[in-house]
Amino acid sequence: MPEQFIWGIEVFLNGLMAGVLYALVALGFVLIYKASGIFNYAQGVMALFAAMTLVGIMNGQVPFAHLINAIFGTNVHHFGWHVPAFVAILLTACVMVGFAWIVQRFIFRHLVGQEPIILFMATIGLAYFLEGVSDLMWNSEIKKLDVGLPQGINFAIDDYTYGIFGYGFFIDNLDIVATIIAAILVLALTIFSQYSKQGRAMRAVADDHQAALSVGVSLNFVWIMVWSVAGFVALVAGIMWGTKSGVQFSLSLIALKALPVLMLGGFTSIPGAIVGGLIIGVGEKLFEFAVGPMIGGATENWFAYVLALIFLVFRPQGLFGEKIIERV
């Protein structure tokens, strides 16, 4: 079997793994958009904030330590204990629920019925505010995140593929775990959205805020619920990306990678987020492998956006998005 073909199979598999991580971030966008019609620009910063909060809790770091020390002249940075990863994840999830309540109570509660552009601008302000709060709470140093997830090459796959192809595939254990978690999340969220009472209420709110209120749907509850779920998805994405590349402020830029995923899959489709993520992940890896060397490389930086642009021209609603029909 030709070596190029074997290497292409390995690149394809790694592309699938990368696509799952893109899809994890895109899920947060889809959830909030389905529930409120808001494109949440702050989703990437939410993943950053969740990851930084998790590391801070695990390491026993004092929140706002630099600010406290500057005001009171103290020199306190840590409580002196370490919190187990599982407990820290639960505490961080509670923080994200509290964040969802604050967002609803002080921001979006006052913007019911406003134009989508106003809601979008509110999420931009929220993103920059949350990024500043993250810096004040946990400082801007690059942090290592280790919650016990397996990392490094999967030797079972390496040995198996070596026996078949005479060449061992490098597949990261963390990517395998991310794939499994993403599959579980997608299944659970799809069932929740389609078949639960809260899921139907979520779709009703997305269609018309005032109409949903008139039939007894609690707008406050729905928005707190969906921002909490999106915060949990951001936490999962932050754990995966933070474990893979460290917790740093560039982590918030993963939201930019989710944009082409949403354009391909559709802003209103949970399965579309996954399919779009897989297409982007596989496409950019194979394009870099096959075409990159001929045009100077670094195609992964722009391939996804070019592909999304093509989709916007021929199918603006994405593969799974709903067509928007306006009667005039």
C-alpha atoms as a PDB file:
ATOM      1  CA  MET A   1       0.000   0.000   0.000  1.00  0.00           C
ATOM      2  CA  PRO A   2       1.486   3.428  -0.945  1.00  0.00           C
ATOM      3  CA  GLU A   3       2.959   5.371   1.961  1.00  0.00           C
ATOM      4  CA  GLN A   4       1.094   8.554   0.999  1.00  0.00           C
ATOM      5  CA  PHE A   5      -2.233   6.759   1.243  1.00  0.00           C
ATOM      6  CA  ILE A   6      -1.370   5.346   4.693  1.00  0.00           C
ATOM      7  CA  TRP A   7      -0.298   8.760   5.936  1.00  0.00           C
ATOM      8  CA  GLY A   8      -3.509  10.203   4.505  1.00  0.00           C
ATOM      9  CA  ILE A   9      -5.557   7.779   6.614  1.00  0.00           C
ATOM     10  CA  GLU A  10      -3.692   8.919   9.728  1.00  0.00           C
ATOM     11  CA  VAL A  11      -4.259  12.584   8.828  1.00  0.00           C
ATOM     12  CA  PHE A  12      -7.963  11.841   8.257  1.00  0.00           C
ATOM     13  CA  LEU A  13      -8.334  10.260  11.707  1.00  0.00           C
ATOM     14  CA  ASN A  14      -6.536  13.134  13.421  1.00  0.00           C
ATOM     15  CA  GLY A  15      -8.769  15.534  11.499  1.00  0.00           C
ATOM     16  CA  LEU A  16     -11.824  13.805  12.937  1.00  0.00           C
ATOM     17  CA  MET A  17     -10.393  14.234  16.429  1.00  0.00           C
ATOM     18  CA  ALA A  18      -9.681  17.950  15.868  1.00  0.00           C
ATOM     19  CA  GLY A  19     -13.159  18.410  14.401  1.00  0.00           C
ATOM     20  CA  VAL A  20     -14.765  17.104  17.578  1.00  0.00           C
ATOM     21  CA  LEU A  21     -12.973  19.767  19.623  1.00  0.00           C
ATOM     22  CA  TYR A  22     -14.197  22.468  17.219  1.00  0.00           C
ATOM     23  CA  ALA A  23     -17.710  21.071  17.514  1.00  0.00           C
ATOM     24  CA  LEU A  24     -17.610  21.232  21.315  1.00  0.00           C
ATOM     25  CA  VAL A  25     -17.189  24.999  21.136  1.00  0.00           C
ATOM     26  CA  ALA A  26     -19.808  25.356  18.402  1.00  0.00           C
ATOM     27  CA  LEU A  27     -22.357  23.551  20.591  1.00  0.00           C
ATOM     28  CA  GLY A  28     -22.382  26.468  23.021  1.00  0.00           C
ATOM     29  CA  PHE A  29     -23.197  28.895  20.198  1.00  0.00           C
ATOM     30  CA  VAL A  30     -26.012  26.690  18.906  1.00  0.00           C
ATOM     31  CA  LEU A  31     -27.644  26.235  22.307  1.00  0.00           C
ATOM     32  CA  ILE A  32     -27.889  29.950  23.057  1.00  0.00           C
ATOM     33  CA  TYR A  33     -28.940  30.823  19.507  1.00  0.00           C
ATOM     34  CA  LYS A  34     -31.722  28.206  19.561  1.00  0.00           C
ATOM     35  CA  ALA A  35     -33.033  29.475  22.889  1.00  0.00           C
ATOM     36  CA  SER A  36     -32.803  33.219  22.443  1.00  0.00           C
ATOM     37  CA  GLY A  37     -31.842  34.054  18.874  1.00  0.00           C
ATOM     38  CA  ILE A  38     -28.605  35.559  20.247  1.00  0.00           C
ATOM     39  CA  PHE A  39     -25.271  34.935  18.579  1.00  0.00           C
ATOM     40  CA  ASN A  40     -23.113  34.685  21.707  1.00  0.00           C
ATOM     41  CA  TYR A  41     -19.776  36.301  20.899  1.00  0.00           C
ATOM     42  CA  ALA A  42     -18.663  35.544  24.473  1.00  0.00           C
ATOM     43  CA  GLN A  43     -18.725  31.734  24.105  1.00  0.00           C
ATOM     44  CA  GLY A  44     -14.959  31.450  23.593  1.00  0.00           C
ATOM     45  CA  VAL A  45     -14.266  33.695  26.598  1.00  0.00           C
ATOM     46  CA  MET A  46     -16.665  31.556  28.637  1.00  0.00           C
ATOM     47  CA  ALA A  47     -14.485  28.529  27.849  1.00  0.00           C
ATOM     48  CA  LEU A  48     -11.417  30.523  28.927  1.00  0.00           C
ATOM     49  CA  PHE A  49     -13.092  31.702  32.141  1.00  0.00           C
ATOM     50  CA  ALA A  50     -14.274  28.183  32.987  1.00  0.00           C
ATOM     51  CA  ALA A  51     -10.816  26.686  32.424  1.00  0.00           C
ATOM     52  CA  MET A  52      -9.072  29.418  34.453  1.00  0.00           C
ATOM     53  CA  THR A  53     -11.605  29.041  37.280  1.00  0.00           C
ATOM     54  CA  LEU A  54     -11.092  25.277  37.296  1.00  0.00           C
ATOM     55  CA  VAL A  55      -7.309  25.624  37.527  1.00  0.00           C
ATOM     56  CA  GLY A  56      -7.631  28.296  40.220  1.00  0.00           C
ATOM     57  CA  ILE A  57      -9.916  26.130  42.358  1.00  0.00           C
ATOM     58  CA  MET A  58      -7.750  23.032  41.919  1.00  0.00           C
ATOM     59  CA  ASN A  59      -4.599  24.921  42.943  1.00  0.00           C
ATOM     60  CA  GLY A  60      -6.248  26.700  45.874  1.00  0.00           C
ATOM     61  CA  GLN A  61      -5.532  30.098  44.326  1.00  0.00           C
ATOM     62  CA  VAL A  62      -7.026  33.157  46.011  1.00  0.00           C
ATOM     63  CA  PRO A  63      -9.388  34.974  43.602  1.00  0.00           C
ATOM     64  CA  PHE A  64      -8.462  38.606  42.929  1.00  0.00           C
ATOM     65  CA  ALA A  65      -5.204  38.051  44.840  1.00  0.00           C
ATOM     66  CA  HIS A  66      -3.278  40.783  43.011  1.00  0.00           C
ATOM     67  CA  LEU A  67      -6.060  43.295  43.588  1.00  0.00           C
ATOM     68  CA  ILE A  68      -6.368  42.385  47.280  1.00  0.00           C
ATOM     69  CA  ASN A  69      -2.610  42.614  47.784  1.00  0.00           C
ATOM     70  CA  ALA A  70      -2.437  45.993  46.026  1.00  0.00           C
ATOM     71  CA  ILE A  71      -5.238  47.454  48.181  1.00  0.00           C
ATOM     72  CA  PHE A  72      -4.298  46.006  51.582  1.00  0.00           C
ATOM     73  CA  GLY A  73      -0.531  45.578  51.174  1.00  0.00           C
ATOM     74  CA  THR A  74      -0.709  41.835  51.805  1.00  0.00           C
ATOM     75  CA  ASN A  75       1.154  39.045  50.036  1.00  0.00           C
ATOM     76  CA  VAL A  76      -1.410  36.261  49.851  1.00  0.00           C
ATOM     77  CA  HIS A  77      -1.764  34.179  46.696  1.00  0.00           C
ATOM     78  CA  HIS A  78      -2.852  30.665  47.756  1.00  0.00           C
ATOM     79  CA  PHE A  79      -5.045  29.169  50.458  1.00  0.00           C
ATOM     80  CA  GLY A  80      -2.550  26.351  50.999  1.00  0.00           C
ATOM     81  CA  TRP A  81      -4.659  23.448  49.797  1.00  0.00           C
ATOM     82  CA  HIS A  82      -5.395  21.589  46.565  1.00  0.00           C
ATOM     83  CA  VAL A  83      -8.865  20.484  45.511  1.00  0.00           C
ATOM     84  CA  PRO A  84      -9.432  17.114  43.748  1.00  0.00           C
ATOM     85  CA  ALA A  85     -10.233  17.450  40.047  1.00  0.00           C
ATOM     86  CA  PHE A  86     -13.770  16.026  40.298  1.00  0.00           C
ATOM     87  CA  VAL A  87     -14.746  18.338  43.157  1.00  0.00           C
ATOM     88  CA  ALA A  88     -13.163  21.299  41.351  1.00  0.00           C
ATOM     89  CA  ILE A  89     -15.169  20.526  38.197  1.00  0.00           C
ATOM     90  CA  LEU A  90     -18.408  20.466  40.227  1.00  0.00           C
ATOM     91  CA  LEU A  91     -17.532  23.766  41.897  1.00  0.00           C
ATOM     92  CA  THR A  92     -16.658  25.320  38.530  1.00  0.00           C
ATOM     93  CA  ALA A  93     -19.978  24.109  37.122  1.00  0.00           C
ATOM     94  CA  CYS A  94     -21.708  25.887  40.029  1.00  0.00           C
ATOM     95  CA  VAL A  95     -19.750  29.046  39.187  1.00  0.00           C
ATOM     96  CA  MET A  96     -20.960  28.828  35.572  1.00  0.00           C
ATOM     97  CA  VAL A  97     -24.570  28.465  36.769  1.00  0.00           C
ATOM     98  CA  GLY A  98     -24.064  31.549  38.927  1.00  0.00           C
ATOM     99  CA  PHE A  99     -22.621  33.325  35.887  1.00  0.00           C
ATOM    100  CA  ALA A 100     -25.743  32.370  33.904  1.00  0.00           C
ATOM    101  CA  TRP A 101     -27.979  33.855  36.612  1.00  0.00           C
ATOM    102  CA  ILE A 102     -25.960  37.102  36.672  1.00  0.00           C
ATOM    103  CA  VAL A 103     -26.091  37.410  32.875  1.00  0.00           C
ATOM    104  CA  GLN A 104     -29.858  36.964  32.870  1.00  0.00           C
ATOM    105  CA  ARG A 105     -30.526  39.106  35.945  1.00  0.00           C
ATOM    106  CA  PHE A 106     -28.435  42.118  35.016  1.00  0.00           C
ATOM    107  CA  ILE A 107     -28.189  42.053  31.203  1.00  0.00           C
ATOM    108  CA  PHE A 108     -30.662  40.117  29.081  1.00  0.00           C
ATOM    109  CA  ARG A 109     -33.621  40.566  31.405  1.00  0.00           C
ATOM    110  CA  HIS A 110     -33.623  44.202  30.323  1.00  0.00           C
ATOM    111  CA  LEU A 111     -33.237  43.435  26.614  1.00  0.00           C
ATOM    112  CA  VAL A 112     -36.342  41.316  25.997  1.00  0.00           C
ATOM    113  CA  GLY A 113     -37.811  42.080  22.578  1.00  0.00           C
ATOM    114  CA  GLN A 114     -34.840  44.116  21.383  1.00  0.00           C
ATOM    115  CA  GLU A 115     -33.349  43.813  17.907  1.00  0.00           C
ATOM    116  CA  PRO A 116     -30.843  40.952  17.360  1.00  0.00           C
ATOM    117  CA  ILE A 117     -28.008  43.415  16.715  1.00  0.00           C
ATOM    118  CA  ILE A 118     -28.501  44.931  20.180  1.00  0.00           C
ATOM    119  CA  LEU A 119     -28.356  41.486  21.786  1.00  0.00           C
ATOM    120  CA  PHE A 120     -25.237  40.666  19.767  1.00  0.00           C
ATOM    121  CA  MET A 121     -23.523  43.890  20.884  1.00  0.00           C
ATOM    122  CA  ALA A 122     -24.390  42.986  24.476  1.00  0.00           C
ATOM    123  CA  THR A 123     -22.504  39.684  24.118  1.00  0.00           C
ATOM    124  CA  ILE A 124     -19.474  41.553  22.724  1.00  0.00           C
ATOM    125  CA  GLY A 125     -19.438  43.752  25.818  1.00  0.00           C
ATOM    126  CA  LEU A 126     -19.926  40.666  27.986  1.00  0.00           C
ATOM    127  CA  ALA A 127     -16.942  38.961  26.317  1.00  0.00           C
ATOM    128  CA  TYR A 128     -14.525  41.802  27.026  1.00  0.00           C
ATOM    129  CA  PHE A 129     -15.865  42.258  30.547  1.00  0.00           C
ATOM    130  CA  LEU A 130     -15.497  38.556  31.312  1.00  0.00           C
ATOM    131  CA  GLU A 131     -11.968  38.503  29.892  1.00  0.00           C
ATOM    132  CA  GLY A 132     -11.003  41.381  32.179  1.00  0.00           C
ATOM    133  CA  VAL A 133     -12.592  39.677  35.184  1.00  0.00           C
ATOM    134  CA  SER A 134     -10.694  36.477  34.369  1.00  0.00           C
ATOM    135  CA  ASP A 135      -7.426  38.409  34.377  1.00  0.00           C
ATOM    136  CA  LEU A 136      -8.240  40.103  37.705  1.00  0.00           C
ATOM    137  CA  MET A 137      -9.379  36.868  39.353  1.00  0.00           C
ATOM    138  CA  TRP A 138      -6.708  34.432  38.244  1.00  0.00           C
ATOM    139  CA  ASN A 139      -3.961  36.589  36.575  1.00  0.00           C
ATOM    140  CA  SER A 140      -2.766  36.148  33.012  1.00  0.00           C
ATOM    141  CA  GLU A 141      -0.030  33.544  33.468  1.00  0.00           C
ATOM    142  CA  ILE A 142      -0.129  30.387  31.346  1.00  0.00           C
ATOM    143  CA  LYS A 143      -1.442  27.577  33.516  1.00  0.00           C
ATOM    144  CA  LYS A 144      -1.196  23.811  33.242  1.00  0.00           C
ATOM    145  CA  LEU A 145      -4.479  21.936  33.487  1.00  0.00           C
ATOM    146  CA  ASP A 146      -4.448  18.283  34.534  1.00  0.00           C
ATOM    147  CA  VAL A 147      -7.735  16.661  35.554  1.00  0.00           C
ATOM    148  CA  GLY A 148      -6.470  13.124  35.059  1.00  0.00           C
ATOM    149  CA  LEU A 149      -7.418  12.677  31.405  1.00  0.00           C
ATOM    150  CA  PRO A 150      -5.143  10.292  29.498  1.00  0.00           C
ATOM    151  CA  GLN A 151      -2.725  11.963  27.117  1.00  0.00           C
ATOM    152  CA  GLY A 152      -0.100  10.884  24.633  1.00  0.00           C
ATOM    153  CA  ILE A 153      -0.073   8.234  21.933  1.00  0.00           C
ATOM    154  CA  ASN A 154      -2.529   5.351  22.114  1.00  0.00           C
ATOM    155  CA  PHE A 155      -0.231   2.343  21.918  1.00  0.00           C
ATOM    156  CA  ALA A 156      -3.066  -0.107  21.219  1.00  0.00           C
ATOM    157  CA  ILE A 157      -3.956   1.750  18.004  1.00  0.00           C
ATOM    158  CA  ASP A 158      -0.269   2.167  17.213  1.00  0.00           C
ATOM    159  CA  ASP A 159       0.377  -1.583  17.494  1.00  0.00           C
ATOM    160  CA  TYR A 160      -2.826  -2.510  15.630  1.00  0.00           C
ATOM    161  CA  THR A 161      -2.176  -0.219  12.671  1.00  0.00           C
ATOM    162  CA  TYR A 162       1.456  -1.265  12.554  1.00  0.00           C
ATOM    163  CA  GLY A 163       0.340  -4.863  12.197  1.00  0.00           C
ATOM    164  CA  ILE A 164      -1.950  -3.952   9.273  1.00  0.00           C
ATOM    165  CA  PHE A 165      -0.044  -1.234   7.426  1.00  0.00           C
ATOM    166  CA  GLY A 166       3.485  -1.658   8.720  1.00  0.00           C
ATOM    167  CA  TYR A 167       3.160   1.874  10.065  1.00  0.00           C
ATOM    168  CA  GLY A 168       1.812   2.874  13.483  1.00  0.00           C
ATOM    169  CA  PHE A 169      -0.760   5.693  13.593  1.00  0.00           C
ATOM    170  CA  PHE A 170      -0.262   8.453  16.158  1.00  0.00           C
ATOM    171  CA  ILE A 171      -3.668   8.989  17.780  1.00  0.00           C
ATOM    172  CA  ASP A 172      -3.790  11.028  20.989  1.00  0.00           C
ATOM    173  CA  ASN A 173      -5.679   9.509  23.924  1.00  0.00           C
ATOM    174  CA  LEU A 174      -7.059  12.956  24.793  1.00  0.00           C
ATOM    175  CA  ASP A 175      -8.641  13.258  21.352  1.00  0.00           C
ATOM    176  CA  ILE A 176     -10.298   9.861  21.801  1.00  0.00           C
ATOM    177  CA  VAL A 177     -11.742  10.936  25.165  1.00  0.00           C
ATOM    178  CA  ALA A 178     -12.959  14.210  23.631  1.00  0.00           C
ATOM    179  CA  THR A 179     -14.711  12.275  20.864  1.00  0.00           C
ATOM    180  CA  ILE A 180     -16.544  10.069  23.359  1.00  0.00           C
ATOM    181  CA  ILE A 181     -17.574  13.017  25.543  1.00  0.00           C
ATOM    182  CA  ALA A 182     -18.769  15.010  22.531  1.00  0.00           C
ATOM    183  CA  ALA A 183     -20.862  12.085  21.295  1.00  0.00           C
ATOM    184  CA  ILE A 184     -22.527  11.764  24.706  1.00  0.00           C
ATOM    185  CA  LEU A 185     -23.165  15.522  24.868  1.00  0.00           C
ATOM    186  CA  VAL A 186     -24.689  15.620  21.397  1.00  0.00           C
ATOM    187  CA  LEU A 187     -27.015  12.702  22.114  1.00  0.00           C
ATOM    188  CA  ALA A 188     -28.125  14.144  25.455  1.00  0.00           C
ATOM    189  CA  LEU A 189     -28.643  17.674  24.123  1.00  0.00           C
ATOM    190  CA  THR A 190     -30.540  16.446  21.063  1.00  0.00           C
ATOM    191  CA  ILE A 191     -32.920  14.397  23.213  1.00  0.00           C
ATOM    192  CA  PHE A 192     -33.321  17.301  25.631  1.00  0.00           C
ATOM    193  CA  SER A 193     -34.031  19.830  22.880  1.00  0.00           C
ATOM    194  CA  GLN A 194     -36.498  17.694  20.928  1.00  0.00           C
ATOM    195  CA  TYR A 195     -38.405  15.728  23.531  1.00  0.00           C
ATOM    196  CA  SER A 196     -38.346  17.525  26.894  1.00  0.00           C
ATOM    197  CA  LYS A 197     -40.806  20.167  28.080  1.00  0.00           C
ATOM    198  CA  GLN A 198     -37.923  22.557  28.738  1.00  0.00           C
ATOM    199  CA  GLY A 199     -36.548  21.926  25.243  1.00  0.00           C
ATOM    200  CA  ARG A 200     -39.890  22.855  23.659  1.00  0.00           C
ATOM    201  CA  ALA A 201     -40.021  25.970  25.809  1.00  0.00           C
ATOM    202  CA  MET A 202     -36.527  26.835  24.642  1.00  0.00           C
ATOM    203  CA  ARG A 203     -37.575  26.650  20.989  1.00  0.00           C
ATOM    204  CA  ALA A 204     -40.697  28.695  21.702  1.00  0.00           C
ATOM    205  CA  VAL A 205     -38.625  31.476  23.258  1.00  0.00           C
ATOM    206  CA  ALA A 206     -36.322  31.482  20.241  1.00  0.00           C
ATOM    207  CA  ASP A 207     -39.271  31.946  17.857  1.00  0.00           C
ATOM    208  CA  ASP A 208     -40.921  34.846  19.690  1.00  0.00           C
ATOM    209  CA  HIS A 209     -40.155  36.201  23.172  1.00  0.00           C
ATOM    210  CA  GLN A 210     -43.490  37.925  23.656  1.00  0.00           C
ATOM    211  CA  ALA A 211     -45.562  35.002  22.338  1.00  0.00           C
ATOM    212  CA  ALA A 212     -43.724  32.592  24.645  1.00  0.00           C
ATOM    213  CA  LEU A 213     -44.443  34.866  27.617  1.00  0.00           C
ATOM    214  CA  SER A 214     -48.137  35.055  26.671  1.00  0.00           C
ATOM    215  CA  VAL A 215     -48.569  31.263  26.915  1.00  0.00           C
ATOM    216  CA  GLY A 216     -46.889  31.016  30.306  1.00  0.00           C
ATOM    217  CA  VAL A 217     -43.297  30.209  29.393  1.00  0.00           C
ATOM    218  CA  SER A 218     -40.889  31.659  31.952  1.00  0.00           C
ATOM    219  CA  LEU A 219     -38.365  33.622  29.931  1.00  0.00           C
ATOM    220  CA  ASN A 220     -36.085  34.060  32.948  1.00  0.00           C
ATOM    221  CA  PHE A 221     -35.987  30.330  33.647  1.00  0.00           C
ATOM    222  CA  VAL A 222     -35.347  29.374  30.011  1.00  0.00           C
ATOM    223  CA  TRP A 223     -32.512  31.836  29.562  1.00  0.00           C
ATOM    224  CA  ILE A 224     -30.851  30.917  32.857  1.00  0.00           C
ATOM    225  CA  MET A 225     -31.176  27.249  31.933  1.00  0.00           C
ATOM    226  CA  VAL A 226     -29.704  27.626  28.461  1.00  0.00           C
ATOM    227  CA  TRP A 227     -26.846  29.879  29.582  1.00  0.00           C
ATOM    228  CA  SER A 228     -26.087  27.335  32.329  1.00  0.00           C
ATOM    229  CA  VAL A 229     -25.972  24.483  29.798  1.00  0.00           C
ATOM    230  CA  ALA A 230     -23.850  26.605  27.456  1.00  0.00           C
ATOM    231  CA  GLY A 231     -21.564  27.345  30.401  1.00  0.00           C
ATOM    232  CA  PHE A 232     -21.231  23.619  31.067  1.00  0.00           C
ATOM    233  CA  VAL A 233     -20.382  23.017  27.402  1.00  0.00           C
ATOM    234  CA  ALA A 234     -17.825  25.845  27.643  1.00  0.00           C
ATOM    235  CA  LEU A 235     -16.364  24.143  30.724  1.00  0.00           C
ATOM    236  CA  VAL A 236     -15.991  20.839  28.865  1.00  0.00           C
ATOM    237  CA  ALA A 237     -14.430  22.584  25.870  1.00  0.00           C
ATOM    238  CA  GLY A 238     -12.129  24.548  28.176  1.00  0.00           C
ATOM    239  CA  ILE A 239     -10.995  21.345  29.885  1.00  0.00           C
ATOM    240  CA  MET A 240     -10.201  19.664  26.561  1.00  0.00           C
ATOM    241  CA  TRP A 241      -8.422  22.629  24.974  1.00  0.00           C
ATOM    242  CA  GLY A 242      -6.749  23.649  28.233  1.00  0.00           C
ATOM    243  CA  THR A 243      -5.428  20.140  28.813  1.00  0.00           C
ATOM    244  CA  LYS A 244      -4.184  20.011  25.235  1.00  0.00           C
ATOM    245  CA  SER A 245      -2.470  23.397  24.947  1.00  0.00           C
ATOM    246  CA  GLY A 246      -2.461  24.970  28.410  1.00  0.00           C
ATOM    247  CA  VAL A 247      -4.832  27.548  29.884  1.00  0.00           C
ATOM    248  CA  GLN A 248      -3.935  30.934  28.421  1.00  0.00           C
ATOM    249  CA  PHE A 249      -5.796  33.920  27.027  1.00  0.00           C
ATOM    250  CA  SER A 250      -5.402  32.717  23.446  1.00  0.00           C
ATOM    251  CA  LEU A 251      -7.852  29.971  24.462  1.00  0.00           C
ATOM    252  CA  SER A 252     -10.676  32.462  23.897  1.00  0.00           C
ATOM    253  CA  LEU A 253      -9.786  32.540  20.188  1.00  0.00           C
ATOM    254  CA  ILE A 254     -11.155  29.016  19.720  1.00  0.00           C
ATOM    255  CA  ALA A 255     -14.502  30.756  19.214  1.00  0.00           C
ATOM    256  CA  LEU A 256     -13.190  32.061  15.884  1.00  0.00           C
ATOM    257  CA  LYS A 257     -12.655  28.467  14.768  1.00  0.00           C
ATOM    258  CA  ALA A 258     -16.247  27.673  15.629  1.00  0.00           C
ATOM    259  CA  LEU A 259     -17.617  30.275  13.215  1.00  0.00           C
ATOM    260  CA  PRO A 260     -16.925  28.250  10.038  1.00  0.00           C
ATOM    261  CA  VAL A 261     -18.342  25.207  11.835  1.00  0.00           C
ATOM    262  CA  LEU A 262     -21.602  27.077  12.454  1.00  0.00           C
ATOM    263  CA  MET A 263     -21.750  28.333   8.875  1.00  0.00           C
ATOM    264  CA  LEU A 264     -21.438  24.784   7.574  1.00  0.00           C
ATOM    265  CA  GLY A 265     -23.693  23.033  10.068  1.00  0.00           C
ATOM    266  CA  GLY A 266     -26.266  25.760  10.641  1.00  0.00           C
ATOM    267  CA  PHE A 267     -26.802  28.035  13.632  1.00  0.00           C
ATOM    268  CA  THR A 268     -29.892  26.149  14.828  1.00  0.00           C
ATOM    269  CA  SER A 269     -28.778  22.526  14.586  1.00  0.00           C
ATOM    270  CA  ILE A 270     -27.017  20.585  17.332  1.00  0.00           C
ATOM    271  CA  PRO A 271     -26.128  17.659  15.015  1.00  0.00           C
ATOM    272  CA  GLY A 272     -25.064  20.268  12.450  1.00  0.00           C
ATOM    273  CA  ALA A 273     -22.457  21.606  14.878  1.00  0.00           C
ATOM    274  CA  ILE A 274     -20.912  18.157  15.072  1.00  0.00           C
ATOM    275  CA  VAL A 275     -21.035  17.461  11.334  1.00  0.00           C
ATOM    276  CA  GLY A 276     -19.666  20.927  10.581  1.00  0.00           C
ATOM    277  CA  GLY A 277     -16.858  20.414  13.076  1.00  0.00           C
ATOM    278  CA  LEU A 278     -15.905  17.096  11.507  1.00  0.00           C
ATOM    279  CA  ILE A 279     -15.941  18.579   7.991  1.00  0.00           C
ATOM    280  CA  ILE A 280     -13.732  21.485   9.060  1.00  0.00           C
ATOM    281  CA  GLY A 281     -11.373  19.280  11.069  1.00  0.00           C
ATOM    282  CA  VAL A 282     -10.916  16.673   8.342  1.00  0.00           C
ATOM    283  CA  GLY A 283     -10.934  19.205   5.511  1.00  0.00           C
ATOM    284  CA  GLU A 284      -8.212  21.457   6.893  1.00  0.00           C
ATOM    285  CA  LYS A 285      -5.948  18.521   7.810  1.00  0.00           C
ATOM    286  CA  LEU A 286      -6.287  16.781   4.438  1.00  0.00           C
ATOM    287  CA  PHE A 287      -5.913  20.066   2.536  1.00  0.00           C
ATOM    288  CA  GLU A 288      -2.734  20.877   4.452  1.00  0.00           C
ATOM    289  CA  PHE A 289      -1.445  17.348   3.828  1.00  0.00           C
ATOM    290  CA  ALA A 290      -2.249  17.233   0.117  1.00  0.00           C
ATOM    291  CA  VAL A 291      -2.019  20.837  -1.065  1.00  0.00           C
ATOM    292  CA  GLY A 292      -0.144  22.685   1.678  1.00  0.00           C
ATOM    293  CA  PRO A 293       3.393  21.681   0.613  1.00  0.00           C
ATOM    294  CA  MET A 294       2.726  22.935  -2.930  1.00  0.00           C
ATOM    295  CA  ILE A 295       1.619  26.440  -1.883  1.00  0.00           C
ATOM    296  CA  GLY A 296       3.871  27.117   1.082  1.00  0.00           C
ATOM    297  CA  GLY A 297       1.892  25.508   3.906  1.00  0.00           C
ATOM    298  CA  ALA A 298       0.000  27.166   6.777  1.00  0.00           C
ATOM    299  CA  THR A 299      -3.321  26.494   5.011  1.00  0.00           C
ATOM    300  CA  GLU A 300      -5.031  25.496   8.285  1.00  0.00           C
ATOM    301  CA  ASN A 301      -5.201  29.202   9.211  1.00  0.00           C
ATOM    302  CA  TRP A 302      -7.556  30.080   6.348  1.00  0.00           C
ATOM    303  CA  PHE A 303      -8.978  26.914   4.784  1.00  0.00           C
ATOM    304  CA  ALA A 304     -11.992  26.747   7.126  1.00  0.00           C
ATOM    305  CA  TYR A 305     -13.032  30.322   6.338  1.00  0.00           C
ATOM    306  CA  VAL A 306     -12.746  29.838   2.578  1.00  0.00           C
ATOM    307  CA  LEU A 307     -14.886  26.696   2.828  1.00  0.00           C
ATOM    308  CA  ALA A 308     -17.431  28.570   4.965  1.00  0.00           C
ATOM    309  CA  LEU A 309     -17.523  31.398   2.413  1.00  0.00           C
ATOM    310  CA  ILE A 310     -18.350  28.914  -0.348  1.00  0.00           C
ATOM    311  CA  PHE A 311     -21.193  27.511   1.763  1.00  0.00           C
ATOM    312  CA  LEU A 312     -22.523  31.007   2.431  1.00  0.00           C
ATOM    313  CA  VAL A 313     -22.764  31.626  -1.306  1.00  0.00           C
ATOM    314  CA  PHE A 314     -24.606  28.413  -2.192  1.00  0.00           C
ATOM    315  CA  ARG A 315     -26.390  27.448   1.066  1.00  0.00           C
ATOM    316  CA  PRO A 316     -26.494  30.349   3.552  1.00  0.00           C
ATOM    317  CA  GLN A 317     -28.474  28.428   6.177  1.00  0.00           C
ATOM    318  CA  GLY A 318     -25.872  25.643   6.346  1.00  0.00           C
ATOM    319  CA  LEU A 319     -26.306  21.910   5.872  1.00  0.00           C
ATOM    320  CA  PHE A 320     -28.823  21.456   8.699  1.00  0.00           C
ATOM    321  CA  GLY A 321     -30.031  25.013   9.279  1.00  0.00           C
ATOM    322  CA  GLU A 322     -33.616  26.091   8.770  1.00  0.00           C
ATOM    323  CA  LYS A 323     -34.479  28.199   5.749  1.00  0.00           C
ATOM    324  CA  ILE A 324     -35.649  31.662   6.708  1.00  0.00           C
ATOM    325  CA  ILE A 325     -38.776  32.661   4.776  1.00  0.00           C
ATOM    326  CA  GLU A 326     -40.102  36.178   5.201  1.00  0.00           C
ATOM    327  CA  ARG A 327     -43.525  37.103   3.854  1.00  0.00           C
ATOM    328  CA  VAL A 328     -43.946  40.650   2.636  1.00  0.00           C
END
